[in-house]
Amino acid sequence: MTLQSKKILICEDHQIVIDGLVSILKSYDDFYEIDTIVDGDKAIDFIRNNNPDIILLDLNLPTVNGLDILKEIRTFSTSIKVIILTMYNKQSIVKKAKQYGANGFLLKNCSSSDLLNAIDSVFNNPVFYIGKGVVNSVEENDGFVERIKLTQREKEIIKELIKGLNVPQIAENLFISPYTVETHKKNIFKKLNIHNSIDLITLVNEKSLI
């Protein structure tokens, strides 16, 4: 995916972190429009007036915390992509961020590739992005992932389904017949005990299937 002309807002109060993020983003694409906000109480007005495409949001900001900012954003926009970027690696916080409408969760010690993967992911599929090393509730799956034993092909088809693609499109992308895709789809739904793609997206988020 190219992020050319995408507007990125960094909500972060440590200049060294801001400088690092800007350097990573600029090295990836010179055409990013990058803005920064260091005070939480100024963030909402800026977001309303500038409508960024994506926000890298720290949780520990002066005056207003990141989760409150996230909740406020979701009262007026569901299209802005929000990735939490924090040092707080707690299951309860990840769960709240997801509940309040975040699109992804990263730790500040993540690699540059993980950051760029997160940005790419939130623009291209609805699955909540979980950065490397993040402790979160989806890891407590009671052995669900191990029990259902999805095949590699089934995982590939699940990735296509949650993008909203139909059977013929998936068949074309994976170079297999529509009949084969349909068969795999039925098997997937049976294994997961679900009935539609909405259920599939929900389960993927809850159980970290792929």
Protein backbone atom coordinates (compact mmCIF):
# COMPACT_ATOMS: atom_id res chain seq x y z
CA MET A 1 0.00 0.00 0.00
CA THR A 2 1.20 3.51 -0.66
CA LEU A 3 0.45 6.11 1.97
CA GLN A 4 1.30 9.04 -0.29
CA SER A 5 -0.63 12.19 0.73
CA LYS A 6 -1.97 10.54 3.88
CA LYS A 7 -2.21 12.90 6.85
CA ILE A 8 -0.65 11.53 10.01
CA LEU A 9 -1.02 13.10 13.45
CA ILE A 10 1.42 12.18 16.21
CA CYS A 11 -0.03 12.81 19.69
CA GLU A 12 3.02 12.49 21.91
CA ASP A 13 4.66 14.69 24.55
CA HIS A 14 8.26 13.49 24.32
CA GLN A 15 10.23 15.23 21.59
CA ILE A 16 12.75 12.41 21.20
CA VAL A 17 9.90 10.00 20.45
CA ILE A 18 8.33 12.46 18.02
CA ASP A 19 11.66 12.91 16.21
CA GLY A 20 12.09 9.15 15.93
CA LEU A 21 8.59 8.60 14.55
CA VAL A 22 8.93 11.41 12.04
CA SER A 23 12.28 10.04 10.88
CA ILE A 24 10.83 6.54 10.36
CA LEU A 25 7.78 7.83 8.51
CA LYS A 26 9.75 10.20 6.30
CA SER A 27 12.26 7.51 5.40
CA TYR A 28 9.36 5.35 4.24
CA ASP A 29 7.52 8.03 2.26
CA ASP A 30 8.53 11.66 1.76
CA PHE A 31 4.95 12.64 0.96
CA TYR A 32 3.46 12.05 4.39
CA GLU A 33 1.80 15.12 5.85
CA ILE A 34 2.88 14.88 9.48
CA ASP A 35 1.59 17.02 12.34
CA THR A 36 2.33 16.74 16.04
CA ILE A 37 0.41 17.57 19.20
CA VAL A 38 1.97 17.47 22.67
CA ASP A 39 -0.98 18.58 24.81
CA GLY A 40 -4.04 16.40 25.16
CA ASP A 41 -6.44 19.32 25.58
CA LYS A 42 -5.47 20.68 22.15
CA ALA A 43 -5.76 17.38 20.34
CA ILE A 44 -9.53 17.15 19.85
CA ASP A 45 -9.91 20.62 18.31
CA PHE A 46 -6.99 19.93 15.99
CA ILE A 47 -8.44 16.59 14.93
CA ARG A 48 -11.88 18.10 14.28
CA ASN A 49 -10.40 20.88 12.17
CA ASN A 50 -7.81 18.87 10.25
CA ASN A 51 -9.35 15.39 9.94
CA PRO A 52 -6.14 13.34 9.85
CA ASP A 53 -6.17 9.93 8.19
CA ILE A 54 -4.31 8.25 11.01
CA ILE A 55 -3.34 9.12 14.58
CA LEU A 56 -0.45 7.69 16.56
CA LEU A 57 -1.78 8.26 20.06
CA ASP A 58 0.16 8.13 23.32
CA LEU A 59 -1.90 7.30 26.40
CA ASN A 60 0.02 9.45 28.88
CA LEU A 61 -0.48 12.99 27.61
CA PRO A 62 -0.59 16.20 29.65
CA THR A 63 -4.07 17.39 30.73
CA VAL A 64 -6.11 14.68 28.92
CA ASN A 65 -5.21 11.00 28.65
CA GLY A 66 -5.17 9.14 25.36
CA LEU A 67 -8.16 6.89 26.09
CA ASP A 68 -10.37 9.93 26.75
CA ILE A 69 -9.17 11.46 23.48
CA LEU A 70 -9.95 8.21 21.68
CA LYS A 71 -13.48 8.10 23.11
CA GLU A 72 -14.09 11.69 22.03
CA ILE A 73 -12.79 11.03 18.52
CA ARG A 74 -15.29 8.20 18.11
CA THR A 75 -18.18 10.55 18.89
CA PHE A 76 -17.58 12.40 15.63
CA SER A 77 -15.53 10.08 13.40
CA THR A 78 -15.30 6.35 12.80
CA SER A 79 -13.11 6.69 9.72
CA ILE A 80 -10.00 8.13 11.38
CA LYS A 81 -7.58 5.30 12.10
CA VAL A 82 -6.15 5.39 15.61
CA ILE A 83 -3.12 3.38 16.72
CA ILE A 84 -2.27 3.48 20.41
CA LEU A 85 1.48 3.88 20.93
CA THR A 86 2.47 3.45 24.56
CA MET A 87 4.75 1.82 27.10
CA TYR A 88 1.76 0.52 29.09
CA ASN A 89 1.72 -3.17 28.30
CA LYS A 90 -1.32 -4.18 30.34
CA GLN A 91 -4.12 -6.48 29.29
CA SER A 92 -6.81 -4.21 30.74
CA ILE A 93 -5.54 -1.19 28.79
CA VAL A 94 -5.41 -3.08 25.48
CA LYS A 95 -8.97 -4.24 26.11
CA LYS A 96 -10.17 -0.70 26.83
CA ALA A 97 -8.40 0.70 23.77
CA LYS A 98 -10.11 -1.89 21.61
CA GLN A 99 -13.46 -1.25 23.28
CA TYR A 100 -13.17 2.51 22.76
CA GLY A 101 -12.50 2.10 19.05
CA ALA A 102 -8.74 1.94 18.52
CA ASN A 103 -7.58 0.23 15.33
CA GLY A 104 -4.30 -1.03 16.71
CA PHE A 105 -1.99 -1.17 19.72
CA LEU A 106 1.80 -0.81 19.67
CA LEU A 107 4.51 -0.57 22.29
CA LYS A 108 6.98 2.29 22.05
CA ASN A 109 9.86 -0.15 21.85
CA CYS A 110 8.41 -1.67 18.68
CA SER A 111 10.54 -1.90 15.56
CA SER A 112 10.13 0.48 12.64
CA SER A 113 8.82 -2.41 10.55
CA ASP A 114 6.14 -3.17 13.15
CA LEU A 115 5.07 0.49 13.11
CA LEU A 116 4.82 0.55 9.32
CA ASN A 117 3.04 -2.81 9.28
CA ALA A 118 0.50 -1.46 11.76
CA ILE A 119 -0.20 1.60 9.59
CA ASP A 120 -0.56 -0.57 6.51
CA SER A 121 -2.80 -3.04 8.33
CA VAL A 122 -5.31 -0.57 9.77
CA PHE A 123 -5.87 0.93 6.33
CA ASN A 124 -6.42 -2.41 4.62
CA ASN A 125 -8.44 -4.63 6.92
CA PRO A 126 -10.78 -4.28 9.90
CA VAL A 127 -8.82 -6.54 12.24
CA PHE A 128 -7.43 -4.89 15.39
CA TYR A 129 -3.64 -4.75 14.94
CA ILE A 130 -1.65 -6.11 17.87
CA GLY A 131 2.02 -5.18 17.93
CA LYS A 132 4.80 -7.57 18.80
CA GLY A 133 5.19 -8.14 22.51
CA VAL A 134 1.80 -6.74 23.46
CA VAL A 135 0.10 -8.64 26.28
CA ASN A 136 -3.60 -8.73 25.59
CA SER A 137 -6.84 -10.56 26.27
CA VAL A 138 -6.90 -12.37 22.93
CA GLU A 139 -3.95 -14.41 24.13
CA GLU A 140 -6.27 -15.97 26.71
CA ASN A 141 -8.14 -18.10 24.23
CA ASP A 142 -8.58 -21.27 26.30
CA GLY A 143 -6.71 -23.20 23.63
CA PHE A 144 -9.30 -22.24 21.02
CA VAL A 145 -6.77 -21.61 18.24
CA GLU A 146 -5.02 -24.89 18.93
CA ARG A 147 -8.28 -26.84 19.05
CA ILE A 148 -9.71 -25.68 15.74
CA LYS A 149 -6.46 -26.33 13.83
CA LEU A 150 -6.92 -24.06 10.84
CA THR A 151 -4.88 -25.02 7.79
CA GLN A 152 -2.61 -22.52 6.06
CA ARG A 153 -5.04 -22.33 3.14
CA GLU A 154 -7.95 -21.67 5.48
CA LYS A 155 -5.99 -18.85 7.11
CA GLU A 156 -5.30 -17.36 3.67
CA ILE A 157 -8.99 -17.46 2.82
CA ILE A 158 -9.94 -15.92 6.18
CA LYS A 159 -7.60 -13.00 5.44
CA GLU A 160 -9.37 -12.45 2.13
CA LEU A 161 -12.86 -12.78 3.63
CA ILE A 162 -12.26 -10.16 6.31
CA LYS A 163 -11.20 -7.74 3.58
CA GLY A 164 -14.76 -8.05 2.27
CA LEU A 165 -13.85 -9.98 -0.87
CA ASN A 166 -16.33 -12.39 -2.43
CA VAL A 167 -15.67 -15.97 -3.56
CA PRO A 168 -14.72 -15.18 -7.20
CA GLN A 169 -12.33 -12.42 -6.07
CA ILE A 170 -10.68 -14.72 -3.54
CA ALA A 171 -10.36 -17.46 -6.15
CA GLU A 172 -8.61 -15.04 -8.50
CA ASN A 173 -6.25 -13.74 -5.80
CA LEU A 174 -5.27 -17.22 -4.62
CA PHE A 175 -5.22 -18.84 -8.07
CA ILE A 176 -7.75 -21.52 -7.14
CA SER A 177 -11.25 -22.30 -8.34
CA PRO A 178 -14.35 -20.63 -6.86
CA TYR A 179 -15.61 -24.11 -5.98
CA THR A 180 -12.49 -24.72 -3.88
CA VAL A 181 -12.89 -21.38 -2.14
CA GLU A 182 -16.54 -22.10 -1.41
CA THR A 183 -15.65 -25.50 0.03
CA HIS A 184 -12.97 -24.01 2.27
CA LYS A 185 -15.36 -21.23 3.33
CA LYS A 186 -18.00 -23.76 4.41
CA ASN A 187 -15.39 -25.75 6.32
CA ILE A 188 -14.11 -22.61 8.05
CA PHE A 189 -17.59 -21.54 9.12
CA LYS A 190 -18.31 -25.05 10.37
CA LYS A 191 -15.06 -25.24 12.35
CA LEU A 192 -15.66 -21.85 13.93
CA ASN A 193 -19.40 -22.39 14.41
CA ILE A 194 -20.26 -19.09 12.70
CA HIS A 195 -22.72 -18.13 9.99
CA ASN A 196 -21.45 -14.99 8.24
CA SER A 197 -18.46 -12.71 7.67
CA ILE A 198 -19.47 -10.35 10.49
CA ASP A 199 -19.16 -13.25 12.93
CA LEU A 200 -15.83 -14.13 11.34
CA ILE A 201 -14.39 -10.62 11.84
CA THR A 202 -15.56 -10.63 15.46
CA LEU A 203 -13.97 -14.02 16.12
CA VAL A 204 -10.70 -13.05 14.42
CA ASN A 205 -10.48 -10.02 16.72
CA GLU A 206 -11.39 -11.93 19.86
CA LYS A 207 -9.24 -15.00 19.31
CA SER A 208 -6.36 -13.67 17.17
CA LEU A 209 -6.91 -16.40 14.59
CA ILE A 210 -4.45 -15.12 12.02
